[in-house]
Amino acid sequence: MLAAARKDALLDRLRRDGRLVVKDVAVELGLSEDSIRRDLRELDAAGLAVRVYGGALPASPAVADYAARREVARDSKARVAAAAVALIEPGATVLLDGGTTTLALVDALPRTFAGTVITHSPTIAAALLHHDAEVIVIGGRVFKHSAVACGAAAVEAAQNLSADAFFLGVTGVHPSAGLTTGDADEAAMKRVLAERAAETFVLASAEKLGAASRFGILPLDGVSGIIADLEGDDPLAAQLRSAGARVIPTHP
């Protein structure tokens, strides 16, 4: 089997099963495990798969640059945003992560919302300029890929704040990999923000579901709920629940 055909077969398996075990695929295709591992290294380098111990997981398309992500799954993000806004109590203090799904949440948030919004994203803060809410911005080194502040200064500032709810952006929600993103410092900042909120809800639009990125944020049972653009009886919803997640489907 030619290398291109092998890689196509591996990607088909990832799309079908949501994961790939090297030993099983090597037996199925009649190839050596070394050949499969080499193909997975190349797929990982191309951003098409994420290598894990013993195999690989589907790579998330949500790791593209910010401008490109704004055009991905717009309807799905709007559904997730509407479900998230329904969880915000009047007068609440909420922490908003950066990212394009959170931007959709701001679009869905009534301008008359009179609570407090805390964010480490200058993009999210700017989108709130015409809302009645008080806006508090956490400063620090800007990670341009997601337009958020990270690093020591941002962590120190976040540790002096508290909120009723944190709406967490991720690039991957996977039954075995948990909640993931593409940058280690950003993952650490997300964990700090989650610690400062009474509840944390994950914003999981379609392109993030069943996918994984390199760096873990939290386990599935480490958040209050995952707002997922799924039908309530979707097989992936069942898999996530079996792994400990509380799934809040946009299509109950």
Foldseek 3Di string as FASTA:
>chain_A
DDLVVLLVVLLVCQVVPQWDFLVVVCVVVVHDSVSQVVSVVVCVVVQQWADDVRTIGGGFPQQDAQVVNLPPQVVLLLLLLLVVLVPDDQQWEEEEEFGNSSLSNLVNHDLARAHEYEYQAPVSVVSNPSRNYHYHYQYADAPRRRRGHFDDSSLVVLLVAATAEYEDEARADALPQHGHHADARSLVSRLSNCVRHPFYEYRAGDSHYSHHYDGDRDHQQPGPAYAYQDACPDPSVVSNVVSRHHYNYSHD
